[in-house]
N, C-alpha and C. Protein backbone atom coordinates (compact mmCIF):
# COMPACT_ATOMS: atom_id res chain seq x y z
N UNK A 1 114.53 154.37 116.13
CA UNK A 1 113.10 153.77 116.39
C UNK A 1 112.34 152.97 114.96
N UNK A 2 112.31 151.57 114.91
CA UNK A 2 111.86 150.99 113.46
C UNK A 2 110.58 151.81 112.83
N UNK A 3 110.57 151.85 111.60
CA UNK A 3 110.15 152.16 111.09
C UNK A 3 108.46 151.77 111.08
N UNK A 4 107.40 152.20 111.24
CA UNK A 4 105.89 151.48 111.19
C UNK A 4 105.33 151.44 109.60
N UNK A 5 104.53 150.43 109.27
CA UNK A 5 104.25 149.97 108.64
C UNK A 5 102.41 149.50 108.95
N UNK A 6 101.33 149.96 107.98
CA UNK A 6 99.97 149.70 108.36
C UNK A 6 99.63 148.67 107.55
N UNK A 7 99.28 147.62 107.82
CA UNK A 7 98.49 146.47 106.99
C UNK A 7 97.13 146.48 106.73
N UNK A 8 96.64 146.75 106.11
CA UNK A 8 95.12 146.63 105.57
C UNK A 8 94.31 145.64 104.68
N UNK A 9 93.91 144.76 105.50
CA UNK A 9 93.39 143.63 104.36
C UNK A 9 92.58 142.36 105.38
N UNK A 10 91.42 142.88 104.47
CA UNK A 10 89.97 142.04 105.47
C UNK A 10 90.70 140.45 105.69
N UNK A 11 91.48 139.49 104.78
CA UNK A 11 91.90 138.03 104.67
C UNK A 11 92.89 138.25 105.70
N UNK A 12 92.52 137.93 107.13
CA UNK A 12 93.46 138.05 107.96
C UNK A 12 94.87 136.97 107.90
N UNK A 13 94.86 135.82 107.32
CA UNK A 13 95.55 135.20 107.20
C UNK A 13 96.85 135.52 106.20
N UNK A 14 96.41 136.20 105.00
CA UNK A 14 97.57 136.85 104.61
C UNK A 14 98.03 138.35 105.27
N UNK A 15 97.13 138.90 105.91
CA UNK A 15 97.89 140.21 106.53
C UNK A 15 98.81 140.27 107.67
N UNK A 16 98.74 138.13 107.96
CA UNK A 16 99.07 137.88 109.41
C UNK A 16 100.87 137.32 108.84
N UNK A 17 100.34 136.79 107.41
CA UNK A 17 102.28 136.59 106.86
C UNK A 17 103.01 137.76 106.38
N UNK A 18 101.93 139.13 105.63
CA UNK A 18 102.88 140.07 105.35
C UNK A 18 103.62 140.81 106.75
N UNK A 19 102.54 140.54 107.81
CA UNK A 19 103.06 141.18 109.06
C UNK A 19 104.52 140.53 109.57
N UNK A 20 104.11 138.99 109.79
CA UNK A 20 105.47 138.28 110.02
C UNK A 20 106.36 138.52 109.27
N UNK A 21 106.60 138.83 108.36
CA UNK A 21 107.75 138.88 106.97
C UNK A 21 108.24 140.37 107.55
N UNK A 22 107.84 141.39 107.49
CA UNK A 22 108.31 142.74 108.04
C UNK A 22 108.41 142.88 108.73
N UNK A 23 107.94 142.33 110.26
CA UNK A 23 108.29 142.04 111.24
C UNK A 23 110.09 141.38 111.28
N UNK A 24 110.05 140.51 110.35
CA UNK A 24 111.75 140.17 110.43
C UNK A 24 112.49 140.82 109.75
N UNK A 25 112.03 141.73 108.95
CA UNK A 25 112.91 142.88 108.18
C UNK A 25 113.21 144.19 109.29
N UNK A 26 112.73 144.19 110.82
CA UNK A 26 113.06 144.91 111.45
C UNK A 26 111.59 145.87 111.52
N UNK A 27 110.83 145.85 110.73
CA UNK A 27 109.33 147.09 110.98
C UNK A 27 108.35 146.86 112.08
N UNK A 28 107.85 148.06 112.36
CA UNK A 28 106.74 147.69 113.66
C UNK A 28 105.82 147.35 112.41
N UNK A 29 104.75 146.35 112.87
CA UNK A 29 103.68 146.65 112.14
C UNK A 29 102.06 146.73 113.02
N UNK A 30 101.02 147.48 112.32
CA UNK A 30 99.99 147.42 112.64
C UNK A 30 98.67 146.67 111.73
N UNK A 31 98.14 146.03 112.08
CA UNK A 31 96.64 145.67 111.18
C UNK A 31 95.32 145.94 111.23
N UNK A 32 94.93 146.30 110.08
CA UNK A 32 93.27 147.02 110.12
C UNK A 32 92.54 146.16 109.40
N UNK A 33 91.55 145.75 109.76
CA UNK A 33 90.61 144.74 108.38
C UNK A 33 89.51 144.96 107.82
N UNK A 34 89.34 146.18 108.22
CA UNK A 34 88.27 147.21 107.14
C UNK A 34 88.64 148.16 107.13
N UNK A 35 87.91 149.52 106.24
CA UNK A 35 88.23 150.62 105.92
C UNK A 35 88.35 151.43 106.93
N UNK A 36 87.39 151.20 107.81
CA UNK A 36 86.91 152.81 109.00
C UNK A 36 88.36 152.11 109.88
N UNK A 37 88.46 150.99 110.00
CA UNK A 37 90.12 150.70 111.04
C UNK A 37 91.12 151.24 110.12
N UNK A 38 91.34 151.19 109.21
CA UNK A 38 92.46 151.75 108.49
C UNK A 38 92.30 153.32 108.77
N UNK A 39 91.47 154.15 108.34
CA UNK A 39 91.29 155.69 109.01
C UNK A 39 92.27 155.87 110.52
N UNK A 40 91.05 154.91 111.33
CA UNK A 40 91.56 155.49 112.55
C UNK A 40 92.71 154.74 112.67
N UNK A 41 93.56 153.73 112.68
CA UNK A 41 94.54 152.79 113.05
C UNK A 41 95.64 154.24 112.37
N UNK A 42 95.18 154.86 111.15
CA UNK A 42 96.21 155.90 110.26
C UNK A 42 96.87 156.90 111.39
N UNK A 43 95.69 157.87 112.03
CA UNK A 43 95.77 158.49 113.13
C UNK A 43 95.92 158.30 114.33
N UNK A 44 95.74 157.06 114.57
CA UNK A 44 96.28 156.78 116.21
C UNK A 44 97.98 156.47 116.21
N UNK A 45 98.67 155.52 115.34
CA UNK A 45 99.79 154.90 115.07
C UNK A 45 100.69 156.12 114.06
N UNK A 46 100.23 156.53 113.11
CA UNK A 46 100.55 157.40 112.49
C UNK A 46 101.99 156.64 111.73
N UNK A 47 101.64 155.86 110.80
CA UNK A 47 102.42 154.58 109.77
C UNK A 47 103.30 155.25 108.92
N UNK A 48 104.90 154.95 108.88
CA UNK A 48 105.47 155.52 107.58
C UNK A 48 105.01 154.99 106.50
N UNK A 49 104.44 153.69 106.02
CA UNK A 49 103.69 153.45 104.93
C UNK A 49 102.37 152.72 105.30
N UNK A 50 101.63 152.60 104.06
CA UNK A 50 100.21 151.84 104.49
C UNK A 50 100.28 150.69 103.00
N UNK A 51 100.38 149.81 103.50
CA UNK A 51 99.67 148.53 102.86
C UNK A 51 98.41 148.75 102.32
N UNK A 52 97.45 148.73 101.33
CA UNK A 52 96.10 148.83 101.50
C UNK A 52 95.32 147.96 100.30
N UNK A 53 94.87 147.34 101.11
CA UNK A 53 93.88 146.19 100.01
C UNK A 53 92.61 146.87 99.39
N UNK A 54 92.24 146.66 98.18
CA UNK A 54 91.21 147.45 97.74
C UNK A 54 89.85 146.94 98.17
N UNK A 55 89.58 145.56 98.04
CA UNK A 55 88.03 145.00 98.74
C UNK A 55 88.37 144.79 100.09
N UNK A 56 87.55 145.59 100.58
CA UNK A 56 87.16 146.07 101.97
C UNK A 56 86.16 145.81 102.81
N UNK A 57 85.71 145.51 103.64
CA UNK A 57 84.42 145.92 104.24
C UNK A 57 84.33 146.95 104.99
N UNK A 58 82.91 147.71 105.01
CA UNK A 58 82.72 149.12 105.74
C UNK A 58 83.23 150.01 104.74
N UNK A 59 84.55 150.35 103.77
CA UNK A 59 85.14 151.23 102.90
C UNK A 59 85.79 150.55 102.46
N UNK A 60 85.79 150.72 100.96
CA UNK A 60 86.58 150.02 100.29
C UNK A 60 87.89 150.42 100.18
N UNK A 61 88.90 150.48 99.58
CA UNK A 61 90.34 150.82 99.48
C UNK A 61 90.37 152.07 98.83
N UNK A 62 89.77 152.24 97.99
CA UNK A 62 89.74 153.35 96.99
C UNK A 62 89.32 154.70 97.92
N UNK A 63 88.02 154.60 98.68
CA UNK A 63 87.84 155.31 99.78
C UNK A 63 88.61 155.85 100.47
N UNK A 64 88.72 154.62 101.55
CA UNK A 64 90.13 154.98 102.65
C UNK A 64 91.36 156.31 102.04
N UNK A 65 91.98 155.64 100.79
CA UNK A 65 93.10 156.27 99.97
C UNK A 65 92.14 157.89 99.78
N UNK A 66 91.56 158.01 99.16
CA UNK A 66 90.96 159.38 99.04
C UNK A 66 90.70 160.28 100.48
N UNK A 67 90.19 159.63 101.62
CA UNK A 67 90.10 160.55 102.30
C UNK A 67 91.36 160.47 103.02
N UNK A 68 92.17 159.57 103.33
CA UNK A 68 93.44 159.90 103.68
C UNK A 68 94.39 160.64 103.45
N UNK A 69 94.28 160.80 101.98
CA UNK A 69 95.31 162.05 101.19
C UNK A 69 94.70 163.36 101.17
N UNK A 70 93.42 163.86 101.92
CA UNK A 70 92.98 165.35 102.17
C UNK A 70 93.94 165.46 103.44
N UNK A 71 94.50 164.72 103.93
CA UNK A 71 95.17 164.80 105.12
C UNK A 71 96.63 164.90 105.55
N UNK A 72 97.07 163.60 104.63
CA UNK A 72 98.27 163.14 105.11
C UNK A 72 98.85 162.42 103.83
N UNK A 73 100.37 162.58 103.96
CA UNK A 73 101.09 162.26 102.29
C UNK A 73 101.86 160.80 102.53
N UNK A 74 101.24 160.38 103.96
CA UNK A 74 102.13 159.13 103.69
C UNK A 74 102.11 158.02 102.23
N UNK A 75 103.32 157.37 102.18
CA UNK A 75 103.26 156.45 100.78
C UNK A 75 102.28 155.34 101.23
N UNK A 76 101.40 154.98 100.00
CA UNK A 76 100.09 153.76 99.95
C UNK A 76 100.83 153.38 98.91
N UNK A 77 100.76 151.82 99.22
CA UNK A 77 100.88 150.73 98.23
C UNK A 77 99.77 150.23 98.23
N UNK A 78 98.51 150.16 96.78
CA UNK A 78 97.51 149.28 97.10
C UNK A 78 97.57 147.84 96.28
N UNK A 79 96.75 147.23 97.09
CA UNK A 79 96.81 145.80 97.02
C UNK A 79 95.53 145.42 96.13
N UNK A 80 95.46 144.51 94.70
CA UNK A 80 94.20 144.12 94.26
C UNK A 80 94.55 143.27 93.68
N UNK A 81 93.24 142.32 93.81
CA UNK A 81 93.00 140.85 93.40
C UNK A 81 92.82 140.96 91.71
N UNK A 82 92.59 142.11 91.33
CA UNK A 82 92.32 142.11 89.50
C UNK A 82 93.18 142.36 88.78
N UNK A 83 92.97 141.92 87.96
CA UNK A 83 94.40 142.69 86.46
C UNK A 83 93.77 143.56 85.99
N UNK A 84 92.44 144.34 86.32
CA UNK A 84 91.52 145.32 85.42
C UNK A 84 92.68 146.36 85.36
N UNK A 85 92.83 147.03 84.53
CA UNK A 85 93.36 148.58 84.03
C UNK A 85 92.74 148.92 85.23
N UNK A 86 91.37 149.65 84.90
CA UNK A 86 90.93 150.81 85.72
C UNK A 86 91.18 150.42 87.07
N UNK A 87 91.01 149.23 87.78
CA UNK A 87 91.35 149.80 89.40
C UNK A 87 92.97 150.33 89.45
N UNK A 88 93.75 149.46 88.60
CA UNK A 88 95.01 150.03 88.88
C UNK A 88 95.02 151.48 88.60
N UNK A 89 94.48 152.06 87.71
CA UNK A 89 94.65 153.48 87.35
C UNK A 89 93.96 154.52 88.44
N UNK A 90 92.79 153.57 88.74
CA UNK A 90 91.72 154.67 89.95
C UNK A 90 92.54 154.79 91.03
N UNK A 91 93.45 153.67 91.45
CA UNK A 91 94.27 153.50 92.99
C UNK A 91 95.27 154.85 92.67
N UNK A 92 95.90 155.18 91.88
CA UNK A 92 96.90 156.03 91.78
C UNK A 92 96.47 157.64 91.41
N UNK A 93 95.14 157.86 90.56
CA UNK A 93 94.51 159.16 90.18
C UNK A 93 94.21 158.97 91.64
N UNK A 94 93.45 158.58 92.74
CA UNK A 94 93.26 159.32 94.04
C UNK A 94 94.35 159.28 94.93
N UNK A 95 95.69 158.88 95.03
CA UNK A 95 96.57 159.48 95.32
C UNK A 95 97.75 158.21 96.17
N UNK A 96 97.29 156.93 95.45
CA UNK A 96 98.22 155.79 95.70
C UNK A 96 99.51 155.92 95.23
N UNK A 97 100.29 155.67 95.75
CA UNK A 97 102.15 155.93 95.07
C UNK A 97 102.41 155.09 93.95
N UNK A 98 101.61 153.58 94.68
CA UNK A 98 101.89 152.24 93.60
C UNK A 98 100.81 151.17 93.75
N UNK A 99 101.09 150.22 93.35
CA UNK A 99 99.65 149.10 93.61
C UNK A 99 100.43 148.05 93.25
N UNK A 100 100.32 146.63 94.14
CA UNK A 100 100.39 145.25 93.00
C UNK A 100 99.02 144.66 93.01
N UNK A 101 99.74 143.68 92.33
CA UNK A 101 98.31 142.42 92.15
C UNK A 101 98.35 141.12 92.67
N UNK A 102 97.68 140.89 94.13
CA UNK A 102 97.48 139.26 94.09
C UNK A 102 97.63 138.38 92.70
N UNK A 103 97.86 137.35 93.05
CA UNK A 103 99.45 137.12 94.15
C UNK A 103 100.47 137.65 94.09
N UNK A 104 101.27 138.00 95.03
CA UNK A 104 103.14 138.22 94.49
C UNK A 104 103.69 137.90 95.28
N UNK A 105 104.89 138.22 95.39
CA UNK A 105 105.95 137.29 96.14
C UNK A 105 106.13 138.45 97.48
N UNK A 106 106.43 138.23 98.27
CA UNK A 106 106.99 139.02 99.24
C UNK A 106 108.45 139.42 99.15
N UNK A 107 109.00 139.09 98.10
CA UNK A 107 110.83 139.67 97.65
C UNK A 107 110.27 140.86 96.80
N UNK A 108 109.37 140.81 96.00
CA UNK A 108 108.98 141.88 95.58
C UNK A 108 108.18 142.84 96.54
N UNK A 109 107.16 142.67 97.21
CA UNK A 109 106.82 143.59 98.19
C UNK A 109 107.67 144.25 99.02
N UNK A 110 108.84 143.74 99.53
CA UNK A 110 109.50 143.94 100.72
C UNK A 110 110.28 145.16 99.13
N UNK A 111 110.99 144.62 98.33
CA UNK A 111 111.72 145.64 97.68
C UNK A 111 110.69 147.08 97.38
N UNK A 112 109.60 147.19 97.31
CA UNK A 112 108.95 148.10 97.39
C UNK A 112 108.56 148.62 98.66
N UNK A 113 108.70 148.53 99.22
CA UNK A 113 108.44 148.61 101.18
C UNK A 113 109.97 149.75 101.05
N UNK A 114 110.80 148.80 100.80
CA UNK A 114 112.11 149.47 101.25
C UNK A 114 112.18 150.80 100.47
N UNK A 115 112.05 150.97 99.02
CA UNK A 115 111.98 151.81 98.42
C UNK A 115 110.99 152.99 99.06
N UNK A 116 110.16 152.80 99.45
CA UNK A 116 109.23 153.93 99.99
C UNK A 116 110.22 154.43 101.21
N UNK A 117 110.20 153.27 102.10
CA UNK A 117 110.54 153.69 103.47
C UNK A 117 111.95 154.87 103.48
N UNK A 118 112.96 153.91 102.57
CA UNK A 118 114.21 155.07 102.71
C UNK A 118 113.62 156.10 101.71
N UNK A 119 112.56 156.69 101.59
CA UNK A 119 112.33 158.15 101.10
C UNK A 119 111.76 158.92 102.21
N UNK A 120 110.99 157.80 103.34
CA UNK A 120 110.57 158.50 104.29
C UNK A 120 111.40 158.96 105.23
N UNK A 121 112.23 158.19 105.26
CA UNK A 121 113.79 158.49 106.21
C UNK A 121 113.94 159.51 105.58
N UNK A 122 114.79 159.62 104.42
CA UNK A 122 115.47 160.82 104.11
C UNK A 122 114.81 162.35 104.50
N UNK A 123 113.04 162.11 104.29
CA UNK A 123 112.61 163.14 104.19
C UNK A 123 112.69 163.51 105.96
N UNK A 124 112.23 162.75 106.57
CA UNK A 124 112.55 162.74 108.34
C UNK A 124 113.58 163.43 108.87
N UNK A 125 114.96 162.64 108.08
CA UNK A 125 116.20 163.40 108.76
C UNK A 125 116.84 164.21 107.85
N UNK A 126 116.12 165.09 107.01
CA UNK A 126 116.32 166.32 106.43
C UNK A 126 116.49 167.36 107.31
N UNK A 127 117.58 168.37 107.12
CA UNK A 127 117.28 169.79 108.19
C UNK A 127 116.39 170.47 107.07
N UNK A 128 116.01 171.53 108.65
CA UNK A 128 115.52 172.38 108.12
C UNK A 128 115.77 173.71 107.32
N UNK A 129 117.17 173.63 108.05
CA UNK A 129 117.83 175.09 107.45
C UNK A 129 118.62 174.76 106.10
N UNK A 130 118.85 175.83 105.66
CA UNK A 130 119.53 176.20 104.55
C UNK A 130 119.45 175.10 103.11
N UNK A 131 117.87 174.92 103.01
CA UNK A 131 117.65 173.97 101.85
C UNK A 131 117.70 174.95 100.45
N UNK A 132 118.22 173.72 99.66
CA UNK A 132 118.18 174.23 98.21
C UNK A 132 117.04 174.50 97.38
N UNK A 133 117.02 175.78 96.89
CA UNK A 133 115.74 176.26 96.32
C UNK A 133 115.63 176.35 94.59
N UNK A 134 114.88 175.95 93.91
CA UNK A 134 114.79 175.55 92.41
C UNK A 134 113.57 176.49 91.94
N UNK A 135 113.90 177.95 91.43
CA UNK A 135 112.57 178.57 90.95
C UNK A 135 112.72 178.49 89.51
N UNK A 136 111.15 178.52 89.03
CA UNK A 136 111.03 178.75 87.66
C UNK A 136 109.57 179.47 87.14
N UNK A 137 110.00 181.03 86.89
CA UNK A 137 108.51 181.42 86.87
C UNK A 137 107.85 181.57 88.68
N UNK A 138 106.54 181.24 88.27
CA UNK A 138 105.94 181.21 89.71
C UNK A 138 106.12 180.36 90.15
N UNK A 139 106.64 178.87 90.25
CA UNK A 139 106.73 178.22 90.82
C UNK A 139 108.11 177.76 91.78
N UNK A 140 108.08 177.70 92.97
CA UNK A 140 108.88 177.22 93.91
C UNK A 140 109.25 175.95 94.19
N UNK A 141 110.26 175.18 94.43
CA UNK A 141 110.67 174.28 94.78
C UNK A 141 111.36 173.84 95.81
N UNK A 142 111.25 173.98 97.16
CA UNK A 142 112.10 173.92 98.28
C UNK A 142 112.77 172.36 98.82
N UNK A 143 113.79 172.13 98.21
CA UNK A 143 114.25 170.53 97.97
C UNK A 143 114.67 170.32 99.26
N UNK A 144 114.67 171.15 100.22
CA UNK A 144 115.22 170.50 101.63
C UNK A 144 114.05 170.46 102.18
N UNK A 145 112.75 171.57 102.28
CA UNK A 145 111.43 171.28 103.39
C UNK A 145 110.56 170.59 102.52
N UNK A 146 111.21 169.96 101.27
CA UNK A 146 110.02 169.11 100.51
C UNK A 146 108.40 169.76 100.39
N UNK A 147 108.60 171.26 99.94
CA UNK A 147 107.65 171.90 99.47
C UNK A 147 107.82 172.84 98.71
N UNK A 148 106.51 172.79 97.53
CA UNK A 148 106.23 173.28 96.05
C UNK A 148 105.18 174.70 96.59
N UNK A 149 105.61 175.67 96.32
CA UNK A 149 104.77 177.36 96.59
C UNK A 149 104.85 177.79 94.81
N UNK A 150 103.48 177.84 94.39
CA UNK A 150 102.76 178.42 93.12
C UNK A 150 102.47 179.96 93.78
N UNK A 151 102.55 181.00 93.27
CA UNK A 151 102.02 181.98 93.43
C UNK A 151 101.89 182.53 94.91
N UNK A 152 102.72 181.53 95.84
CA UNK A 152 103.30 182.15 97.46
C UNK A 152 101.90 181.33 98.23
N UNK A 153 101.48 180.36 97.24
CA UNK A 153 100.29 179.11 98.18
C UNK A 153 101.22 177.77 97.93
N UNK A 154 101.17 176.99 98.93
CA UNK A 154 101.60 175.74 99.12
C UNK A 154 100.72 175.41 98.07
N UNK A 155 101.34 174.47 97.40
CA UNK A 155 100.68 172.94 96.79
C UNK A 155 101.00 171.76 97.33
N UNK A 156 100.42 170.99 97.43
CA UNK A 156 100.08 169.77 98.34
C UNK A 156 99.98 169.08 97.60
N UNK A 157 101.43 167.77 97.64
CA UNK A 157 101.80 167.10 96.82
C UNK A 157 102.27 165.39 97.81
N UNK A 158 102.10 164.58 97.03
CA UNK A 158 102.38 163.13 97.97
C UNK A 158 103.93 163.41 98.07
N UNK A 159 104.53 162.71 98.32
CA UNK A 159 106.05 162.05 98.38
C UNK A 159 106.39 161.82 96.81
N UNK A 160 105.63 161.05 96.60
CA UNK A 160 105.97 160.54 95.08
C UNK A 160 106.00 161.45 94.22
N UNK A 161 104.91 162.46 94.41
CA UNK A 161 104.78 163.49 93.58
C UNK A 161 105.87 164.57 93.59
N UNK A 162 106.02 164.37 94.70
CA UNK A 162 107.09 165.72 94.97
C UNK A 162 108.30 165.29 94.56
N UNK A 163 109.12 163.88 94.82
CA UNK A 163 110.30 163.29 94.13
C UNK A 163 110.57 162.85 92.86
N UNK A 164 109.58 162.69 91.94
CA UNK A 164 109.11 163.08 90.88
C UNK A 164 109.73 164.24 90.29
N UNK A 165 108.97 165.68 90.67
CA UNK A 165 109.07 166.97 90.10
C UNK A 165 110.20 167.64 90.70
N UNK A 166 111.01 166.71 91.65
CA UNK A 166 112.33 167.05 92.28
C UNK A 166 113.40 166.53 90.91
N UNK A 167 113.19 165.41 91.03
CA UNK A 167 114.20 165.07 89.93
C UNK A 167 114.03 165.20 88.92
N UNK A 168 112.90 165.97 88.09
CA UNK A 168 112.95 166.56 87.03
C UNK A 168 113.70 167.79 86.85
N UNK A 169 113.10 168.25 87.64
CA UNK A 169 113.58 169.72 88.09
C UNK A 169 115.21 170.10 88.02
N UNK A 170 115.79 169.05 88.98
CA UNK A 170 117.33 168.78 89.21
C UNK A 170 117.92 168.91 88.16
N UNK A 171 117.25 167.95 86.85
CA UNK A 171 117.83 167.72 85.78
C UNK A 171 117.03 168.44 84.78
N UNK A 172 116.72 169.61 84.72
CA UNK A 172 115.94 170.37 83.88
C UNK A 172 116.53 170.36 82.43
N UNK A 173 115.15 170.40 81.62
CA UNK A 173 115.83 170.49 80.13
C UNK A 173 116.10 169.01 79.47
N UNK A 174 116.50 167.69 80.46
CA UNK A 174 116.88 166.42 80.60
C UNK A 174 115.76 165.72 80.11
N UNK A 175 115.59 164.73 78.86
CA UNK A 175 114.70 163.93 78.88
C UNK A 175 114.46 162.49 79.70
N UNK A 176 113.97 162.02 80.04
CA UNK A 176 113.78 160.53 80.80
C UNK A 176 112.72 159.74 80.61
N UNK A 177 112.84 158.61 80.40
CA UNK A 177 111.79 157.67 79.63
C UNK A 177 111.47 157.53 80.84
N UNK A 178 110.23 156.96 80.67
CA UNK A 178 109.67 156.06 82.10
C UNK A 178 110.37 155.25 82.29
N UNK A 179 110.77 154.02 81.95
CA UNK A 179 111.88 153.32 82.58
C UNK A 179 112.90 153.83 83.39
N UNK A 180 113.56 154.84 83.19
CA UNK A 180 114.69 155.68 83.73
C UNK A 180 114.15 156.17 84.92
N UNK A 181 112.99 156.66 84.86
CA UNK A 181 111.93 157.61 85.89
C UNK A 181 111.53 156.51 87.18
N UNK A 182 111.48 155.13 86.54
CA UNK A 182 110.64 154.31 87.30
C UNK A 182 111.51 153.89 88.26
N UNK A 183 113.10 153.87 87.75
CA UNK A 183 113.88 152.93 88.31
C UNK A 183 114.88 154.15 89.51
N UNK A 184 115.25 155.46 88.80
CA UNK A 184 115.57 156.96 89.41
C UNK A 184 114.85 157.40 90.56
N UNK A 185 113.34 157.12 90.67
CA UNK A 185 112.39 158.15 91.42
C UNK A 185 111.64 156.81 92.01
N UNK A 186 111.69 155.76 91.96
CA UNK A 186 110.36 154.77 92.73
C UNK A 186 111.61 153.59 93.26
N UNK A 187 112.48 153.49 92.57
CA UNK A 187 113.61 152.91 93.29
C UNK A 187 113.46 151.45 92.45
N UNK A 188 112.30 150.88 91.55
CA UNK A 188 112.24 150.01 91.31
C UNK A 188 113.22 149.93 89.92
N UNK A 189 113.35 148.30 89.55
CA UNK A 189 113.99 148.31 88.20
C UNK A 189 112.47 147.19 87.61
N UNK A 190 112.88 145.90 87.39
CA UNK A 190 112.34 145.07 86.72
C UNK A 190 110.81 144.81 87.15
N UNK A 191 110.69 145.38 88.75
CA UNK A 191 109.41 145.14 88.90
C UNK A 191 108.14 146.57 88.40
N UNK A 192 108.92 147.45 88.20
CA UNK A 192 107.76 148.55 87.92
C UNK A 192 106.86 148.35 86.73
N UNK A 193 105.96 148.83 86.44
CA UNK A 193 104.73 149.55 85.76
C UNK A 193 104.79 150.90 85.01
N UNK A 194 105.31 150.76 83.99
CA UNK A 194 105.52 152.61 83.54
C UNK A 194 104.29 153.13 83.44
N UNK A 195 103.30 152.53 83.33
CA UNK A 195 101.79 153.25 83.55
C UNK A 195 101.43 154.08 84.87
N UNK A 196 102.69 153.60 86.06
CA UNK A 196 102.96 154.51 87.44
C UNK A 196 102.94 155.72 86.93
N UNK A 197 104.68 155.64 86.23
CA UNK A 197 104.81 157.06 85.75
C UNK A 197 103.91 158.17 85.44
N UNK A 198 103.02 157.90 84.11
CA UNK A 198 102.35 158.39 83.71
C UNK A 198 101.01 158.66 84.58
N UNK A 199 100.14 158.11 84.91
CA UNK A 199 99.74 158.60 85.94
C UNK A 199 99.61 159.94 86.88
N UNK A 200 101.46 159.48 87.85
CA UNK A 200 101.63 160.42 88.54
C UNK A 200 102.02 161.49 87.57
N UNK A 201 102.42 161.47 86.82
CA UNK A 201 103.27 162.72 85.68
C UNK A 201 101.66 163.59 85.48
N UNK A 202 100.57 162.79 85.43
CA UNK A 202 99.15 163.18 85.01
C UNK A 202 98.70 164.00 86.43
N UNK A 203 99.20 163.71 87.58
CA UNK A 203 98.27 164.13 89.06
C UNK A 203 98.87 165.32 89.20
N UNK A 204 100.44 164.97 88.60
CA UNK A 204 101.49 166.49 89.35
C UNK A 204 101.36 167.59 88.29
N UNK A 205 100.81 167.51 87.26
CA UNK A 205 100.54 168.39 86.23
C UNK A 205 99.01 169.07 86.57
N UNK A 206 98.00 168.06 87.16
CA UNK A 206 96.90 168.99 87.81
C UNK A 206 97.18 169.95 88.81
N UNK A 207 97.97 169.99 89.73
CA UNK A 207 98.71 170.37 90.66
C UNK A 207 99.40 171.74 90.55
N UNK A 208 100.20 171.34 89.36
CA UNK A 208 101.39 172.41 89.53
C UNK A 208 100.96 173.10 88.19
N UNK A 209 100.28 172.88 87.61
CA UNK A 209 100.14 173.50 86.02
C UNK A 209 98.81 174.54 85.86
N UNK A 210 98.97 175.62 85.00
CA UNK A 210 97.65 176.37 85.03
C UNK A 210 97.09 175.81 84.27
N UNK A 211 97.09 175.17 83.40
CA UNK A 211 96.35 174.09 81.96
C UNK A 211 97.42 172.89 81.71
N UNK A 212 96.39 171.84 82.72
CA UNK A 212 97.36 170.69 82.52
C UNK A 212 97.34 169.76 81.19
N UNK A 213 96.50 170.61 80.30
CA UNK A 213 95.77 169.83 79.18
C UNK A 213 97.51 170.53 78.17
N UNK A 214 97.62 171.84 78.84
CA UNK A 214 99.09 172.41 77.88
C UNK A 214 99.87 173.17 78.76
N UNK A 215 100.34 171.69 79.34
CA UNK A 215 101.90 171.85 80.79
C UNK A 215 102.93 172.91 80.01
N UNK A 216 103.78 173.76 81.17
CA UNK A 216 104.38 174.77 80.74
C UNK A 216 105.71 174.07 81.38
N UNK A 217 105.77 173.40 82.71
CA UNK A 217 106.86 173.06 83.51
C UNK A 217 106.81 171.52 83.07
N UNK A 218 106.21 170.33 83.48
CA UNK A 218 106.52 169.19 82.98
C UNK A 218 105.85 168.66 81.81
N UNK A 219 106.85 168.84 80.73
CA UNK A 219 106.56 168.75 79.54
C UNK A 219 107.08 167.04 78.73
N UNK A 220 106.48 166.53 77.92
CA UNK A 220 106.39 165.15 77.02
C UNK A 220 106.94 165.37 75.80
N UNK A 221 107.92 164.65 75.84
CA UNK A 221 109.00 164.54 74.69
C UNK A 221 107.97 163.00 74.06
N UNK A 222 107.53 163.26 72.93
CA UNK A 222 106.63 162.21 72.58
C UNK A 222 107.69 161.23 71.76
N UNK A 223 107.09 159.89 72.47
CA UNK A 223 108.21 158.57 71.96
C UNK A 223 109.44 158.34 72.38
N UNK A 224 109.44 159.44 73.68
CA UNK A 224 110.38 159.52 74.79
C UNK A 224 110.63 159.29 76.30
N UNK A 225 110.06 160.14 76.50
CA UNK A 225 109.72 160.79 77.99
C UNK A 225 108.88 161.97 78.52
N UNK A 226 109.64 161.96 79.61
CA UNK A 226 109.18 163.36 80.39
C UNK A 226 110.24 164.56 80.55
N UNK A 227 110.43 165.58 80.70
CA UNK A 227 111.67 166.38 81.22
C UNK A 227 110.91 167.81 81.87
N UNK A 228 111.52 168.59 82.98
CA UNK A 228 111.07 170.06 83.02
C UNK A 228 111.80 170.83 82.44
N UNK A 229 111.02 172.08 82.10
CA UNK A 229 111.46 173.05 81.25
C UNK A 229 111.41 174.05 82.18
N UNK A 230 112.49 175.09 82.36
CA UNK A 230 112.47 176.10 83.17
C UNK A 230 112.42 177.30 82.47
N UNK A 231 110.95 177.91 83.27
CA UNK A 231 110.52 179.28 82.16
C UNK A 231 111.53 180.65 82.84
């Protein structure tokens, strides 16, 4: 079955162009033109990926992202017409997996779509039995079920947060630069922005650490990057 993508943009010509090009790649595409439609369409069609514009009528993209993250972990790529740092960081802080600034090339958008869809397909096709477990103190990472527990309570992570934790934990004590993490976890090379890594690490720490400002698991190697420390 073809992967489903929801495109949320009130500029219909832009949405139609994205839809046309994605459908040529074999994706099934739905369009929503305001924030409430975006939420309704997400629950109706259950897309594998959401491309979400920030500037929307009825409800802006930030609010949509925040509301969706209360219940779903579907990858979200946010679109913004602004170059302002605050817009990009806020989108990531609210749970978006990535952002792109308009205008952008479809080639770049497609690269990011494919990178996210690959991970969705891997998760959907993974077996439920015989999962590999990584345990560090009171943190348990089930690589097969894509599940993280702390003190026997499930921690809700987005797909991207889990992928980052998984990669670091599988290579415990090894320090990775932001550029390497962007390439290995996000699947982007020159398309990426290393600030995406920093914000995702910050979100991850807020969920798995007792004290995010004094992290035990996801450590920073100043001037180099990040690593996972087994306790």
